[in-house]
Amino acid sequence: MNKDILNIVFTLFLCIVFGSAAILALEFSRLAQFFPLYVSVAGTILSIIYLIVLLIQYNKNRHEQERIAFIKPLRYIGWIVGYIGVIYVFGMFIATSLFILSFLLIETTMVWWKSLISVVCVLVAISTASRLLGVYWPTNILGF
């Protein structure tokens, strides 16, 4: 596997995630589907556009490709799947806090206090947007 193919696979994965989120959002009530439906449709459209660009670039540069390890892109897919799983179990705010903190500390090797500031900023932004837009975050499997 080379870098371009793995990038195409990862973008296809994102397209499937956004597309399935759009389909699932159609089952929500009319008022509840507004935010998730439009975000997932926008994500699907943008990932399809990016996938087309990647396929065009891949066809142009097919002979000049380097070989890379297959496991590295799977690690990032694991981050996304893990984040979705933690949202399901613990809820949006706890999952976002854990995800951002662990991702910044492990993947980007950011200093811990900068990571904490980033988590606080994101949580304030999510809370503010939730109040202004009236977004209701459903309960998780634990019920809080």
C-alpha atoms as a PDB file:
ATOM      1  CA  MET A   1       0.000   0.000   0.000  1.00  0.00           C
ATOM      2  CA  ASN A   2       1.153   3.528  -0.682  1.00  0.00           C
ATOM      3  CA  LYS A   3       0.241   6.875   0.789  1.00  0.00           C
ATOM      4  CA  ASP A   4      -2.196   7.900  -1.945  1.00  0.00           C
ATOM      5  CA  ILE A   5      -4.216   4.691  -1.730  1.00  0.00           C
ATOM      6  CA  LEU A   6      -4.400   4.903   2.042  1.00  0.00           C
ATOM      7  CA  ASN A   7      -5.524   8.532   1.791  1.00  0.00           C
ATOM      8  CA  ILE A   8      -8.261   7.450  -0.628  1.00  0.00           C
ATOM      9  CA  VAL A   9      -9.354   4.652   1.741  1.00  0.00           C
ATOM     10  CA  PHE A  10      -9.463   7.018   4.714  1.00  0.00           C
ATOM     11  CA  THR A  11     -11.470   9.615   2.766  1.00  0.00           C
ATOM     12  CA  LEU A  12     -13.866   6.885   1.646  1.00  0.00           C
ATOM     13  CA  PHE A  13     -14.243   5.867   5.299  1.00  0.00           C
ATOM     14  CA  LEU A  14     -15.101   9.473   6.233  1.00  0.00           C
ATOM     15  CA  CYS A  15     -17.599   9.635   3.390  1.00  0.00           C
ATOM     16  CA  ILE A  16     -19.295   6.474   4.689  1.00  0.00           C
ATOM     17  CA  VAL A  17     -19.391   7.845   8.250  1.00  0.00           C
ATOM     18  CA  PHE A  18     -20.924  11.150   7.151  1.00  0.00           C
ATOM     19  CA  GLY A  19     -23.338   9.433   4.766  1.00  0.00           C
ATOM     20  CA  SER A  20     -24.558   6.994   7.400  1.00  0.00           C
ATOM     21  CA  ALA A  21     -24.942   9.875   9.869  1.00  0.00           C
ATOM     22  CA  ALA A  22     -27.112  11.692   7.317  1.00  0.00           C
ATOM     23  CA  ILE A  23     -29.280   8.614   6.831  1.00  0.00           C
ATOM     24  CA  LEU A  24     -29.626   8.123  10.585  1.00  0.00           C
ATOM     25  CA  ALA A  25     -30.463  11.806  11.074  1.00  0.00           C
ATOM     26  CA  LEU A  26     -33.498  11.367   8.820  1.00  0.00           C
ATOM     27  CA  GLU A  27     -35.056   9.202  11.537  1.00  0.00           C
ATOM     28  CA  PHE A  28     -34.955  12.070  14.072  1.00  0.00           C
ATOM     29  CA  SER A  29     -37.963  14.285  14.622  1.00  0.00           C
ATOM     30  CA  ARG A  30     -38.249  17.272  12.290  1.00  0.00           C
ATOM     31  CA  LEU A  31     -36.847  19.745  14.806  1.00  0.00           C
ATOM     32  CA  ALA A  32     -34.056  17.454  16.064  1.00  0.00           C
ATOM     33  CA  GLN A  33     -32.708  16.565  12.631  1.00  0.00           C
ATOM     34  CA  PHE A  34     -31.791  20.117  11.604  1.00  0.00           C
ATOM     35  CA  PHE A  35     -28.218  20.313  12.963  1.00  0.00           C
ATOM     36  CA  PRO A  36     -27.004  16.701  12.488  1.00  0.00           C
ATOM     37  CA  LEU A  37     -28.560  16.385   9.043  1.00  0.00           C
ATOM     38  CA  TYR A  38     -26.984  19.517   7.604  1.00  0.00           C
ATOM     39  CA  VAL A  39     -23.572  18.853   9.147  1.00  0.00           C
ATOM     40  CA  SER A  40     -23.510  15.258   7.903  1.00  0.00           C
ATOM     41  CA  VAL A  41     -24.738  16.208   4.425  1.00  0.00           C
ATOM     42  CA  ALA A  42     -22.066  18.923   4.213  1.00  0.00           C
ATOM     43  CA  GLY A  43     -19.439  16.431   5.407  1.00  0.00           C
ATOM     44  CA  THR A  44     -20.592  13.885   2.832  1.00  0.00           C
ATOM     45  CA  ILE A  45     -20.471  16.394  -0.022  1.00  0.00           C
ATOM     46  CA  LEU A  46     -17.049  17.725   0.965  1.00  0.00           C
ATOM     47  CA  SER A  47     -15.589  14.247   1.423  1.00  0.00           C
ATOM     48  CA  ILE A  48     -16.934  13.162  -1.984  1.00  0.00           C
ATOM     49  CA  ILE A  49     -15.374  16.239  -3.598  1.00  0.00           C
ATOM     50  CA  TYR A  50     -12.069  15.530  -1.853  1.00  0.00           C
ATOM     51  CA  LEU A  51     -12.279  11.861  -2.874  1.00  0.00           C
ATOM     52  CA  ILE A  52     -12.713  12.868  -6.514  1.00  0.00           C
ATOM     53  CA  VAL A  53      -9.696  15.198  -6.265  1.00  0.00           C
ATOM     54  CA  LEU A  54      -7.636  12.407  -4.722  1.00  0.00           C
ATOM     55  CA  LEU A  55      -8.638   9.955  -7.446  1.00  0.00           C
ATOM     56  CA  ILE A  56      -7.674  12.441 -10.163  1.00  0.00           C
ATOM     57  CA  GLN A  57      -4.293  13.068  -8.507  1.00  0.00           C
ATOM     58  CA  TYR A  58      -3.754   9.346  -8.058  1.00  0.00           C
ATOM     59  CA  ASN A  59      -4.320   8.688 -11.758  1.00  0.00           C
ATOM     60  CA  LYS A  60      -1.854  11.437 -12.715  1.00  0.00           C
ATOM     61  CA  ASN A  61       0.902  10.317 -10.335  1.00  0.00           C
ATOM     62  CA  ARG A  62       0.417   6.563 -10.376  1.00  0.00           C
ATOM     63  CA  HIS A  63       4.010   5.759 -11.285  1.00  0.00           C
ATOM     64  CA  GLU A  64       5.696   8.076  -8.723  1.00  0.00           C
ATOM     65  CA  GLN A  65       4.349   6.617  -5.490  1.00  0.00           C
ATOM     66  CA  GLU A  66       6.217   5.732  -2.339  1.00  0.00           C
ATOM     67  CA  ARG A  67       5.503   2.802  -0.082  1.00  0.00           C
ATOM     68  CA  ILE A  68       4.384   3.438   3.509  1.00  0.00           C
ATOM     69  CA  ALA A  69       3.178   1.347   6.393  1.00  0.00           C
ATOM     70  CA  PHE A  70      -0.476   0.336   6.361  1.00  0.00           C
ATOM     71  CA  ILE A  71      -0.923   0.664  10.112  1.00  0.00           C
ATOM     72  CA  LYS A  72      -0.539   4.458  10.438  1.00  0.00           C
ATOM     73  CA  PRO A  73      -3.838   5.445   8.739  1.00  0.00           C
ATOM     74  CA  LEU A  74      -5.620   2.718  10.683  1.00  0.00           C
ATOM     75  CA  ARG A  75      -4.475   4.414  13.882  1.00  0.00           C
ATOM     76  CA  TYR A  76      -6.384   7.581  12.916  1.00  0.00           C
ATOM     77  CA  ILE A  77      -9.461   5.572  11.962  1.00  0.00           C
ATOM     78  CA  GLY A  78      -9.149   4.011  15.422  1.00  0.00           C
ATOM     79  CA  TRP A  79      -9.141   7.481  16.988  1.00  0.00           C
ATOM     80  CA  ILE A  80     -12.423   8.315  15.227  1.00  0.00           C
ATOM     81  CA  VAL A  81     -14.078   4.985  16.045  1.00  0.00           C
ATOM     82  CA  GLY A  82     -12.889   5.272  19.649  1.00  0.00           C
ATOM     83  CA  TYR A  83     -14.282   8.798  19.925  1.00  0.00           C
ATOM     84  CA  ILE A  84     -17.674   7.644  18.644  1.00  0.00           C
ATOM     85  CA  GLY A  85     -17.606   4.729  21.095  1.00  0.00           C
ATOM     86  CA  VAL A  86     -16.766   6.964  24.046  1.00  0.00           C
ATOM     87  CA  ILE A  87     -19.584   9.339  23.013  1.00  0.00           C
ATOM     88  CA  TYR A  88     -21.961   6.384  23.045  1.00  0.00           C
ATOM     89  CA  VAL A  89     -20.867   5.272  26.516  1.00  0.00           C
ATOM     90  CA  PHE A  90     -20.028   8.500  28.369  1.00  0.00           C
ATOM     91  CA  GLY A  91     -21.702  11.290  26.373  1.00  0.00           C
ATOM     92  CA  MET A  92     -20.617  14.175  24.200  1.00  0.00           C
ATOM     93  CA  PHE A  93     -18.868  16.443  26.713  1.00  0.00           C
ATOM     94  CA  ILE A  94     -16.867  13.774  28.536  1.00  0.00           C
ATOM     95  CA  ALA A  95     -15.917  12.088  25.258  1.00  0.00           C
ATOM     96  CA  THR A  96     -14.836  15.363  23.681  1.00  0.00           C
ATOM     97  CA  SER A  97     -12.741  16.224  26.722  1.00  0.00           C
ATOM     98  CA  LEU A  98     -11.041  12.825  26.793  1.00  0.00           C
ATOM     99  CA  PHE A  99     -10.563  12.710  23.031  1.00  0.00           C
ATOM    100  CA  ILE A 100      -9.020  16.162  22.655  1.00  0.00           C
ATOM    101  CA  LEU A 101      -6.815  15.780  25.710  1.00  0.00           C
ATOM    102  CA  SER A 102      -5.525  12.328  24.765  1.00  0.00           C
ATOM    103  CA  PHE A 103      -5.127  13.169  21.078  1.00  0.00           C
ATOM    104  CA  LEU A 104      -3.179  16.348  21.754  1.00  0.00           C
ATOM    105  CA  LEU A 105      -0.948  14.697  24.335  1.00  0.00           C
ATOM    106  CA  ILE A 106      -0.286  11.474  22.397  1.00  0.00           C
ATOM    107  CA  GLU A 107      -0.381  12.382  18.711  1.00  0.00           C
ATOM    108  CA  THR A 108       0.805  15.986  18.701  1.00  0.00           C
ATOM    109  CA  THR A 109       2.930  15.798  21.867  1.00  0.00           C
ATOM    110  CA  MET A 110       1.510  19.134  22.970  1.00  0.00           C
ATOM    111  CA  VAL A 111       2.377  20.405  26.433  1.00  0.00           C
ATOM    112  CA  TRP A 112      -0.242  19.326  29.021  1.00  0.00           C
ATOM    113  CA  TRP A 113      -1.294  22.828  30.053  1.00  0.00           C
ATOM    114  CA  LYS A 114      -1.853  23.883  26.436  1.00  0.00           C
ATOM    115  CA  SER A 115      -3.911  20.735  25.958  1.00  0.00           C
ATOM    116  CA  LEU A 116      -6.054  21.608  28.967  1.00  0.00           C
ATOM    117  CA  ILE A 117      -6.598  25.134  27.647  1.00  0.00           C
ATOM    118  CA  SER A 118      -7.663  23.638  24.307  1.00  0.00           C
ATOM    119  CA  VAL A 119     -10.135  21.303  26.017  1.00  0.00           C
ATOM    120  CA  VAL A 120     -11.654  24.163  28.025  1.00  0.00           C
ATOM    121  CA  CYS A 121     -11.968  26.356  24.913  1.00  0.00           C
ATOM    122  CA  VAL A 122     -13.684  23.586  22.933  1.00  0.00           C
ATOM    123  CA  LEU A 123     -16.081  22.777  25.783  1.00  0.00           C
ATOM    124  CA  VAL A 124     -17.000  26.448  26.180  1.00  0.00           C
ATOM    125  CA  ALA A 125     -17.565  26.720  22.420  1.00  0.00           C
ATOM    126  CA  ILE A 126     -19.733  23.581  22.341  1.00  0.00           C
ATOM    127  CA  SER A 127     -21.751  24.722  25.367  1.00  0.00           C
ATOM    128  CA  THR A 128     -22.252  28.201  23.933  1.00  0.00           C
ATOM    129  CA  ALA A 129     -23.245  26.872  20.519  1.00  0.00           C
ATOM    130  CA  SER A 130     -25.618  24.385  22.157  1.00  0.00           C
ATOM    131  CA  ARG A 131     -27.380  27.128  24.089  1.00  0.00           C
ATOM    132  CA  LEU A 132     -27.542  29.581  21.203  1.00  0.00           C
ATOM    133  CA  LEU A 133     -28.763  26.981  18.721  1.00  0.00           C
ATOM    134  CA  GLY A 134     -30.889  25.058  21.207  1.00  0.00           C
ATOM    135  CA  VAL A 135     -29.151  21.749  20.490  1.00  0.00           C
ATOM    136  CA  TYR A 136     -30.266  18.902  22.712  1.00  0.00           C
ATOM    137  CA  TRP A 137     -27.561  16.306  23.334  1.00  0.00           C
ATOM    138  CA  PRO A 138     -29.163  12.898  23.879  1.00  0.00           C
ATOM    139  CA  THR A 139     -28.320  10.874  26.944  1.00  0.00           C
ATOM    140  CA  ASN A 140     -25.686   8.186  26.649  1.00  0.00           C
ATOM    141  CA  ILE A 141     -25.826   4.508  27.518  1.00  0.00           C
ATOM    142  CA  LEU A 142     -25.034   5.313  31.174  1.00  0.00           C
ATOM    143  CA  GLY A 143     -27.950   7.767  31.303  1.00  0.00           C
ATOM    144  CA  PHE A 144     -26.181  11.063  32.058  1.00  0.00           C
END
